[in-house]
Amino acid sequence: MLAHEVLLSFSIHPCQVDHGPWRADSAGQSNHFVLITAASSSVGIAAIEIARAEGTISIATTRTSQKKAELLTLGADYVIATE
């Protein structure tokens, strides 16, 4: 589970894209997080796949808890359901 302090540090801005570097450290461990809003959309799923390929920890958001299992199966590390 993510620490409460980590979750509070994120601001959710729909449609905002950050093209910053997504890289793992020399030990292969990611020290970067990406917050993917509307993660069950086609663009959100693509973002999950890119984050996974780059070794970045993904935090996916979706409206319903029914989509949580699907997003985890698709590779999201964490899922936040707002309803």
N, C-alpha and C. Protein backbone atom coordinates (compact mmCIF):
# COMPACT_ATOMS: atom_id res chain seq x y z
N MET A 1 0.84 -1.18 0.00
CA MET A 1 0.00 0.00 0.00
C MET A 1 0.88 1.24 0.00
N LEU A 2 0.46 2.28 -0.69
CA LEU A 2 1.20 3.53 -0.72
C LEU A 2 1.00 4.30 0.57
N ALA A 3 2.04 4.98 0.98
CA ALA A 3 1.94 5.80 2.17
C ALA A 3 0.98 6.96 1.93
N HIS A 4 0.27 7.34 2.95
CA HIS A 4 -0.71 8.44 2.86
C HIS A 4 -0.05 9.72 2.35
N GLU A 5 1.18 9.99 2.81
CA GLU A 5 1.88 11.20 2.41
C GLU A 5 2.16 11.22 0.91
N VAL A 6 2.43 10.05 0.32
CA VAL A 6 2.71 9.98 -1.11
C VAL A 6 1.46 10.32 -1.90
N LEU A 7 0.33 9.78 -1.51
CA LEU A 7 -0.91 10.05 -2.22
C LEU A 7 -1.29 11.52 -2.14
N LEU A 8 -1.01 12.17 -1.03
CA LEU A 8 -1.37 13.57 -0.88
C LEU A 8 -0.50 14.48 -1.74
N SER A 9 0.65 14.00 -2.20
CA SER A 9 1.55 14.84 -2.97
C SER A 9 1.15 14.96 -4.43
N PHE A 10 0.16 14.21 -4.87
CA PHE A 10 -0.26 14.24 -6.26
C PHE A 10 -1.40 15.22 -6.47
N SER A 11 -1.35 15.93 -7.57
CA SER A 11 -2.46 16.76 -8.02
C SER A 11 -3.02 16.11 -9.26
N ILE A 12 -4.32 15.99 -9.34
CA ILE A 12 -4.94 15.35 -10.49
C ILE A 12 -5.37 16.43 -11.48
N HIS A 13 -4.80 16.37 -12.67
CA HIS A 13 -5.12 17.30 -13.75
C HIS A 13 -5.46 16.49 -14.98
N PRO A 14 -6.74 16.30 -15.30
CA PRO A 14 -7.12 15.52 -16.47
C PRO A 14 -6.46 16.07 -17.74
N CYS A 15 -6.03 15.16 -18.57
CA CYS A 15 -5.44 15.48 -19.87
C CYS A 15 -4.07 16.14 -19.78
N GLN A 16 -3.45 16.14 -18.63
CA GLN A 16 -2.11 16.70 -18.52
C GLN A 16 -1.11 15.59 -18.79
N VAL A 17 -0.16 15.86 -19.65
CA VAL A 17 0.86 14.86 -19.99
C VAL A 17 2.22 15.41 -19.61
N ASP A 18 3.00 14.63 -18.90
CA ASP A 18 4.36 15.01 -18.54
C ASP A 18 5.31 14.13 -19.33
N HIS A 19 6.16 14.74 -20.11
CA HIS A 19 7.10 13.98 -20.93
C HIS A 19 8.45 13.83 -20.26
N GLY A 20 8.49 13.92 -18.95
CA GLY A 20 9.75 13.78 -18.22
C GLY A 20 10.28 12.36 -18.32
N PRO A 21 11.51 12.16 -17.87
CA PRO A 21 12.13 10.84 -17.99
C PRO A 21 11.51 9.80 -17.06
N TRP A 22 11.19 8.65 -17.62
CA TRP A 22 10.72 7.51 -16.84
C TRP A 22 11.81 6.48 -16.91
N ARG A 23 12.63 6.37 -15.91
CA ARG A 23 13.76 5.45 -15.95
C ARG A 23 13.93 4.76 -14.59
N ALA A 24 14.48 3.57 -14.64
CA ALA A 24 14.81 2.84 -13.43
C ALA A 24 16.24 3.20 -13.02
N ASP A 25 16.56 3.03 -11.73
CA ASP A 25 17.92 3.31 -11.29
C ASP A 25 18.84 2.16 -11.68
N SER A 26 20.11 2.23 -11.30
CA SER A 26 21.10 1.24 -11.72
C SER A 26 20.79 -0.16 -11.18
N ALA A 27 20.03 -0.24 -10.10
CA ALA A 27 19.67 -1.55 -9.54
C ALA A 27 18.40 -2.10 -10.19
N GLY A 28 17.86 -1.39 -11.16
CA GLY A 28 16.65 -1.83 -11.84
C GLY A 28 15.37 -1.47 -11.11
N GLN A 29 15.49 -0.70 -10.02
CA GLN A 29 14.32 -0.31 -9.25
C GLN A 29 13.87 1.08 -9.69
N SER A 30 12.57 1.22 -9.92
CA SER A 30 12.05 2.51 -10.33
C SER A 30 11.99 3.44 -9.13
N ASN A 31 12.39 4.67 -9.36
CA ASN A 31 12.23 5.69 -8.33
C ASN A 31 11.30 6.79 -8.83
N HIS A 32 10.50 6.45 -9.85
CA HIS A 32 9.55 7.39 -10.43
C HIS A 32 8.15 6.81 -10.36
N PHE A 33 7.19 7.71 -10.17
CA PHE A 33 5.78 7.35 -10.15
C PHE A 33 5.09 8.12 -11.26
N VAL A 34 4.04 7.55 -11.79
CA VAL A 34 3.20 8.28 -12.74
C VAL A 34 1.75 8.07 -12.31
N LEU A 35 0.99 9.16 -12.28
CA LEU A 35 -0.43 9.10 -11.96
C LEU A 35 -1.18 9.15 -13.28
N ILE A 36 -1.98 8.12 -13.54
CA ILE A 36 -2.71 8.01 -14.80
C ILE A 36 -4.19 8.18 -14.50
N THR A 37 -4.74 9.33 -14.90
CA THR A 37 -6.17 9.57 -14.68
C THR A 37 -6.95 8.96 -15.83
N ALA A 38 -8.20 8.60 -15.56
CA ALA A 38 -9.06 7.94 -16.55
C ALA A 38 -8.32 6.74 -17.15
N ALA A 39 -7.74 5.94 -16.29
CA ALA A 39 -6.85 4.86 -16.73
C ALA A 39 -7.55 3.76 -17.51
N SER A 40 -8.85 3.64 -17.42
CA SER A 40 -9.54 2.59 -18.17
C SER A 40 -9.83 2.99 -19.61
N SER A 41 -9.48 4.22 -19.99
CA SER A 41 -9.64 4.65 -21.39
C SER A 41 -8.51 4.04 -22.22
N SER A 42 -8.62 4.12 -23.53
CA SER A 42 -7.58 3.55 -24.40
C SER A 42 -6.25 4.26 -24.19
N VAL A 43 -6.26 5.56 -24.00
CA VAL A 43 -5.03 6.30 -23.74
C VAL A 43 -4.46 5.93 -22.38
N GLY A 44 -5.33 5.77 -21.39
CA GLY A 44 -4.88 5.37 -20.06
C GLY A 44 -4.23 4.00 -20.07
N ILE A 45 -4.83 3.06 -20.79
CA ILE A 45 -4.25 1.71 -20.89
C ILE A 45 -2.89 1.77 -21.58
N ALA A 46 -2.77 2.58 -22.61
CA ALA A 46 -1.48 2.74 -23.28
C ALA A 46 -0.44 3.33 -22.32
N ALA A 47 -0.86 4.28 -21.49
CA ALA A 47 0.05 4.88 -20.51
C ALA A 47 0.51 3.85 -19.48
N ILE A 48 -0.38 2.97 -19.07
CA ILE A 48 -0.01 1.89 -18.14
C ILE A 48 1.05 1.00 -18.79
N GLU A 49 0.85 0.65 -20.05
CA GLU A 49 1.80 -0.20 -20.76
C GLU A 49 3.16 0.47 -20.91
N ILE A 50 3.17 1.76 -21.22
CA ILE A 50 4.43 2.49 -21.35
C ILE A 50 5.15 2.57 -20.00
N ALA A 51 4.40 2.89 -18.95
CA ALA A 51 5.01 2.96 -17.62
C ALA A 51 5.62 1.62 -17.22
N ARG A 52 4.90 0.56 -17.48
CA ARG A 52 5.40 -0.79 -17.14
C ARG A 52 6.67 -1.11 -17.93
N ALA A 53 6.67 -0.78 -19.23
CA ALA A 53 7.83 -1.05 -20.08
C ALA A 53 9.06 -0.25 -19.63
N GLU A 54 8.82 0.94 -19.08
CA GLU A 54 9.92 1.80 -18.65
C GLU A 54 10.33 1.56 -17.19
N GLY A 55 9.62 0.68 -16.50
CA GLY A 55 9.96 0.40 -15.11
C GLY A 55 9.48 1.45 -14.13
N THR A 56 8.49 2.22 -14.54
CA THR A 56 7.92 3.26 -13.69
C THR A 56 6.73 2.71 -12.92
N ILE A 57 6.58 3.10 -11.68
CA ILE A 57 5.45 2.67 -10.87
C ILE A 57 4.23 3.47 -11.28
N SER A 58 3.16 2.77 -11.65
CA SER A 58 1.96 3.45 -12.12
C SER A 58 0.86 3.43 -11.06
N ILE A 59 0.23 4.58 -10.92
CA ILE A 59 -0.93 4.73 -10.04
C ILE A 59 -2.08 5.12 -10.96
N ALA A 60 -3.01 4.22 -11.14
CA ALA A 60 -4.12 4.44 -12.07
C ALA A 60 -5.36 4.88 -11.30
N THR A 61 -6.11 5.81 -11.88
CA THR A 61 -7.37 6.22 -11.27
C THR A 61 -8.52 5.86 -12.21
N THR A 62 -9.63 5.51 -11.61
CA THR A 62 -10.84 5.19 -12.35
C THR A 62 -12.03 5.55 -11.47
N ARG A 63 -13.19 5.69 -12.07
CA ARG A 63 -14.36 6.07 -11.28
C ARG A 63 -14.92 4.92 -10.46
N THR A 64 -14.96 3.72 -11.02
CA THR A 64 -15.64 2.61 -10.34
C THR A 64 -14.67 1.53 -9.88
N SER A 65 -14.98 0.95 -8.75
CA SER A 65 -14.15 -0.13 -8.23
C SER A 65 -14.27 -1.39 -9.07
N GLN A 66 -15.29 -1.49 -9.92
CA GLN A 66 -15.45 -2.65 -10.79
C GLN A 66 -14.30 -2.77 -11.80
N LYS A 67 -13.66 -1.66 -12.13
CA LYS A 67 -12.57 -1.67 -13.12
C LYS A 67 -11.20 -1.92 -12.49
N LYS A 68 -11.14 -1.98 -11.17
CA LYS A 68 -9.88 -2.11 -10.47
C LYS A 68 -9.13 -3.38 -10.87
N ALA A 69 -9.77 -4.52 -10.84
CA ALA A 69 -9.11 -5.78 -11.17
C ALA A 69 -8.58 -5.78 -12.60
N GLU A 70 -9.35 -5.21 -13.52
CA GLU A 70 -8.92 -5.15 -14.92
C GLU A 70 -7.65 -4.31 -15.07
N LEU A 71 -7.61 -3.16 -14.40
CA LEU A 71 -6.44 -2.30 -14.50
C LEU A 71 -5.21 -2.94 -13.87
N LEU A 72 -5.39 -3.66 -12.77
CA LEU A 72 -4.28 -4.38 -12.16
C LEU A 72 -3.77 -5.48 -13.09
N THR A 73 -4.70 -6.18 -13.75
CA THR A 73 -4.32 -7.22 -14.71
C THR A 73 -3.55 -6.63 -15.89
N LEU A 74 -3.93 -5.43 -16.30
CA LEU A 74 -3.27 -4.76 -17.42
C LEU A 74 -1.89 -4.21 -17.06
N GLY A 75 -1.56 -4.21 -15.76
CA GLY A 75 -0.21 -3.82 -15.36
C GLY A 75 -0.09 -2.64 -14.44
N ALA A 76 -1.20 -2.03 -14.04
CA ALA A 76 -1.12 -0.91 -13.09
C ALA A 76 -0.61 -1.46 -11.75
N ASP A 77 0.27 -0.70 -11.12
CA ASP A 77 0.80 -1.13 -9.81
C ASP A 77 -0.19 -0.85 -8.69
N TYR A 78 -0.90 0.27 -8.79
CA TYR A 78 -1.90 0.65 -7.80
C TYR A 78 -3.10 1.24 -8.54
N VAL A 79 -4.28 1.06 -7.99
CA VAL A 79 -5.49 1.62 -8.58
C VAL A 79 -6.28 2.35 -7.51
N ILE A 80 -6.72 3.55 -7.83
CA ILE A 80 -7.57 4.34 -6.95
C ILE A 80 -8.92 4.49 -7.63
N ALA A 81 -9.97 3.98 -6.99
CA ALA A 81 -11.33 4.12 -7.51
C ALA A 81 -12.01 5.23 -6.72
N THR A 82 -12.60 6.18 -7.43
CA THR A 82 -13.19 7.33 -6.75
C THR A 82 -14.61 7.11 -6.29
N GLU A 83 -15.27 6.06 -6.78
CA GLU A 83 -16.65 5.74 -6.33
C GLU A 83 -16.67 4.41 -5.64
